[in-house]
Protein backbone atom coordinates (compact mmCIF):
# COMPACT_ATOMS: atom_id res chain seq x y z
CA MET A 1 -47.66 -9.05 5.66
CA LEU A 2 -49.41 -9.71 2.35
CA LYS A 3 -47.40 -10.11 -0.83
CA ALA A 4 -48.23 -7.85 -3.78
CA ALA A 5 -50.28 -10.62 -5.40
CA GLU A 6 -52.31 -11.43 -2.27
CA VAL A 7 -55.59 -10.03 -0.99
CA LYS A 8 -57.92 -10.85 1.88
CA GLY A 9 -61.02 -12.76 0.86
CA TYR A 10 -63.76 -15.23 1.75
CA THR A 11 -64.78 -18.53 0.21
CA SER A 12 -68.39 -19.08 -0.83
CA ARG A 13 -68.84 -21.34 2.22
CA GLN A 14 -67.65 -18.55 4.53
CA VAL A 15 -69.95 -16.01 2.86
CA SER A 16 -72.84 -18.45 3.15
CA ASP A 17 -72.17 -19.11 6.84
CA ILE A 18 -71.54 -15.48 7.83
CA ALA A 19 -74.46 -14.04 5.85
CA GLY A 20 -76.84 -16.88 6.66
CA VAL A 21 -77.60 -17.47 3.00
CA PRO A 22 -77.93 -21.06 1.71
CA MET A 23 -75.17 -22.04 -0.71
CA SER A 24 -77.74 -22.69 -3.44
CA THR A 25 -79.11 -19.14 -3.06
CA LEU A 26 -75.63 -17.63 -3.05
CA HIS A 27 -74.72 -19.52 -6.23
CA TYR A 28 -78.01 -18.50 -7.86
CA TRP A 29 -77.41 -14.83 -7.00
CA ALA A 30 -73.87 -15.06 -8.41
CA ASP A 31 -75.03 -16.86 -11.57
CA THR A 32 -77.72 -14.22 -12.21
CA GLY A 33 -75.33 -11.33 -11.49
CA LEU A 34 -77.18 -9.98 -8.45
CA VAL A 35 -73.93 -10.26 -6.49
CA THR A 36 -70.63 -11.37 -7.91
CA PRO A 37 -67.40 -12.44 -6.24
CA SER A 38 -64.82 -9.75 -6.97
CA ILE A 39 -61.67 -11.81 -6.45
CA ARG A 40 -62.55 -14.92 -8.40
CA GLY A 41 -65.81 -15.86 -10.05
CA SER A 42 -67.01 -19.23 -11.22
CA GLU A 43 -64.49 -20.81 -13.55
CA GLY A 44 -66.02 -24.23 -13.82
CA LYS A 45 -66.85 -27.06 -11.49
CA ARG A 46 -64.98 -27.27 -8.20
CA ALA A 47 -63.42 -23.84 -8.68
CA THR A 48 -63.68 -21.90 -5.44
CA ARG A 49 -65.31 -18.50 -5.73
CA TRP A 50 -63.49 -15.85 -3.70
CA TRP A 51 -65.36 -12.84 -2.31
CA THR A 52 -64.17 -9.52 -0.90
CA LEU A 53 -65.39 -7.91 2.30
CA ALA A 54 -67.53 -5.53 0.21
CA ASP A 55 -69.09 -8.55 -1.53
CA LEU A 56 -69.85 -10.16 1.83
CA VAL A 57 -71.51 -7.02 3.21
CA ALA A 58 -73.53 -6.73 -0.02
CA VAL A 59 -74.73 -10.34 0.32
CA ARG A 60 -75.82 -9.70 3.91
CA ALA A 61 -77.62 -6.51 2.91
CA ILE A 62 -79.38 -8.17 -0.02
CA LYS A 63 -80.46 -11.08 2.18
CA ALA A 64 -81.91 -8.72 4.81
CA LEU A 65 -83.65 -6.58 2.21
CA ARG A 66 -84.98 -9.63 0.36
CA GLU A 67 -86.41 -11.09 3.57
CA ALA A 68 -88.16 -7.75 4.15
CA GLY A 69 -89.90 -8.08 0.77
CA CYS A 70 -87.68 -5.76 -1.22
CA PRO A 71 -88.13 -6.24 -5.01
CA LEU A 72 -85.26 -7.27 -7.27
CA GLN A 73 -84.89 -3.81 -8.87
CA VAL A 74 -84.32 -2.28 -5.44
CA LEU A 75 -81.87 -5.04 -4.49
CA ARG A 76 -79.79 -4.17 -7.55
CA ARG A 77 -79.92 -0.49 -6.54
CA ALA A 78 -78.77 -1.44 -3.01
CA GLN A 79 -75.84 -3.39 -4.49
CA ASP A 80 -74.83 -0.34 -6.56
CA LEU A 81 -75.15 1.91 -3.50
CA ILE A 82 -72.91 -0.35 -1.41
CA GLU A 83 -70.26 -0.40 -4.13
CA ALA A 84 -70.43 3.38 -4.55
CA SER A 85 -70.20 4.14 -0.83
CA TRP A 86 -67.67 1.46 0.11
CA GLY A 87 -64.81 3.89 0.76
CA GLU A 88 -65.09 6.29 3.64
CA THR A 89 -68.87 6.64 3.89
CA VAL A 90 -69.96 3.01 4.26
CA ALA A 91 -68.98 2.86 7.93
CA SER A 92 -71.57 5.51 8.73
CA THR A 93 -74.17 4.44 6.17
CA VAL A 94 -77.38 2.73 7.19
CA LEU A 95 -79.95 1.56 4.66
CA HIS A 96 -83.65 1.63 5.50
CA TRP A 97 -86.38 -0.23 3.61
CA ASP A 98 -89.81 1.16 4.40
CA GLY A 99 -91.73 -1.22 2.17
CA VAL A 100 -91.79 1.24 -0.71
CA ASP A 101 -88.49 3.08 -0.88
CA LEU A 102 -84.88 2.30 -0.05
CA LEU A 103 -83.53 5.14 2.06
CA ARG A 104 -79.91 5.94 2.82
CA VAL A 105 -79.24 7.59 6.17
CA GLY A 106 -75.85 9.24 6.47
CA SER A 107 -73.67 9.93 9.51
CA MET A 108 -75.37 13.25 10.27
CA GLY A 109 -78.86 11.76 10.07
CA GLU A 110 -79.57 13.05 6.59
CA VAL A 111 -81.99 10.83 4.66
CA HIS A 112 -81.72 10.35 0.91
CA SER A 113 -84.21 8.40 -1.16
CA THR A 114 -82.67 5.97 -3.60
CA VAL A 115 -85.93 4.77 -5.18
CA ARG A 116 -88.69 7.36 -5.11
CA HIS A 117 -92.36 6.45 -4.72
CA PRO A 118 -93.98 9.67 -3.55
CA GLY A 119 -97.36 9.59 -1.90
CA GLU A 120 -97.22 6.03 -0.59
CA GLY A 121 -97.22 5.29 3.14
CA VAL A 122 -94.47 3.65 5.15
CA LEU A 123 -95.32 0.00 5.88
CA HIS A 124 -92.30 -1.03 7.93
CA LEU A 125 -88.65 -0.08 8.36
CA LEU A 126 -85.50 -2.22 8.15
CA ALA A 127 -82.06 -0.93 9.15
CA VAL A 128 -79.05 -2.59 7.47
CA PRO A 129 -75.83 -1.65 9.36
CA LEU A 130 -73.19 -1.89 6.61
CA GLY A 131 -70.32 -0.53 8.71
CA ALA A 132 -70.96 -2.87 11.61
CA TRP A 133 -71.12 -5.89 9.29
CA ARG A 134 -67.90 -4.81 7.60
CA ALA A 135 -66.09 -4.46 10.93
CA GLU A 136 -67.49 -7.74 12.27
CA SER A 137 -66.52 -9.72 9.16
CA ARG A 138 -63.10 -8.17 8.40
CA ASP A 139 -61.13 -10.53 10.70
CA GLN A 140 -62.57 -13.65 9.07
CA ALA A 141 -61.02 -12.95 5.66
CA ARG A 142 -58.44 -15.43 4.41
CA THR A 143 -55.36 -14.62 2.38
CA VAL A 144 -55.80 -15.47 -1.30
CA ASP A 145 -52.66 -16.08 -3.36
CA LEU A 146 -53.60 -14.66 -6.76
CA ASP A 147 -50.53 -16.18 -8.42
CA HIS A 148 -51.58 -19.64 -7.20
CA LEU A 149 -55.12 -19.11 -8.54
CA ALA A 150 -53.68 -18.10 -11.91
CA GLU A 151 -51.52 -21.24 -11.94
CA LEU A 152 -54.58 -23.41 -11.19
CA ARG A 153 -56.41 -21.73 -14.07
CA ARG A 154 -53.48 -22.42 -16.44
CA GLU A 155 -53.34 -26.08 -15.35
CA ARG A 156 -57.09 -26.50 -15.87
CA GLN A 157 -56.86 -24.95 -19.33
CA GLN A 158 -53.94 -27.23 -20.19
CA ARG A 159 -55.94 -30.31 -19.13
CA ARG A 160 -58.79 -29.22 -21.40
CA LYS A 161 -56.38 -29.12 -24.35
CA THR A 162 -55.20 -32.71 -23.72
CA PRO A 163 -56.35 -34.90 -26.64
CA ILE A 164 -58.85 -37.70 -26.15
CA THR A 165 -57.17 -41.07 -26.60
CA PRO A 166 -58.84 -44.40 -27.50
CA VAL A 167 -58.81 -47.10 -24.82
CA ASN A 168 -59.55 -50.72 -25.78
CA GLY A 169 -60.93 -49.61 -29.12
CA ARG A 170 -63.34 -47.14 -27.56
CA ARG A 171 -62.97 -43.42 -27.36
CA ARG A 172 -62.75 -42.16 -23.85
CA SER A 173 -63.22 -38.64 -22.61
CA ARG A 174 -60.40 -37.13 -20.59
CA GLY A 175 -60.62 -37.35 -16.83
CA ARG A 176 -63.29 -40.09 -16.68
CA GLY A 177 -62.64 -43.71 -15.88
């Protein structure tokens, strides 16, 4: 059983491996705000980013849409749609990219346009099964101790406040030999 200050999450390496996205691409997307880790973002070098299941599904969806030629504006719209439908409706939600418009197909087969471009033909179609990806990835989440992460942050901040001391007549920066 999880403690009150614990959640299930994924490291950047896990997200990269599960989604099939190179680490450099994942970091770039996080740095530009296309996708962001909800549990713990980048807090400096060697700080592990922690992602939720919703973040992981969003990364997979963005990768699939990007490979299909989906423009950045539509990728951001897809990210918003995944966040908005994460509750009860994501399990039955399928996204379709037809080369022009991102379509959301609900559980009853209803189709809703998310980016309208009337009058243009359908070039190709891509189905992104959000619910299936969520179910498939759920068991791979690790427990994240939020109190421990907070303690690591406090320790790192304390080290930054440590004064620089001279060594052999030369000033030396903290942490370097």
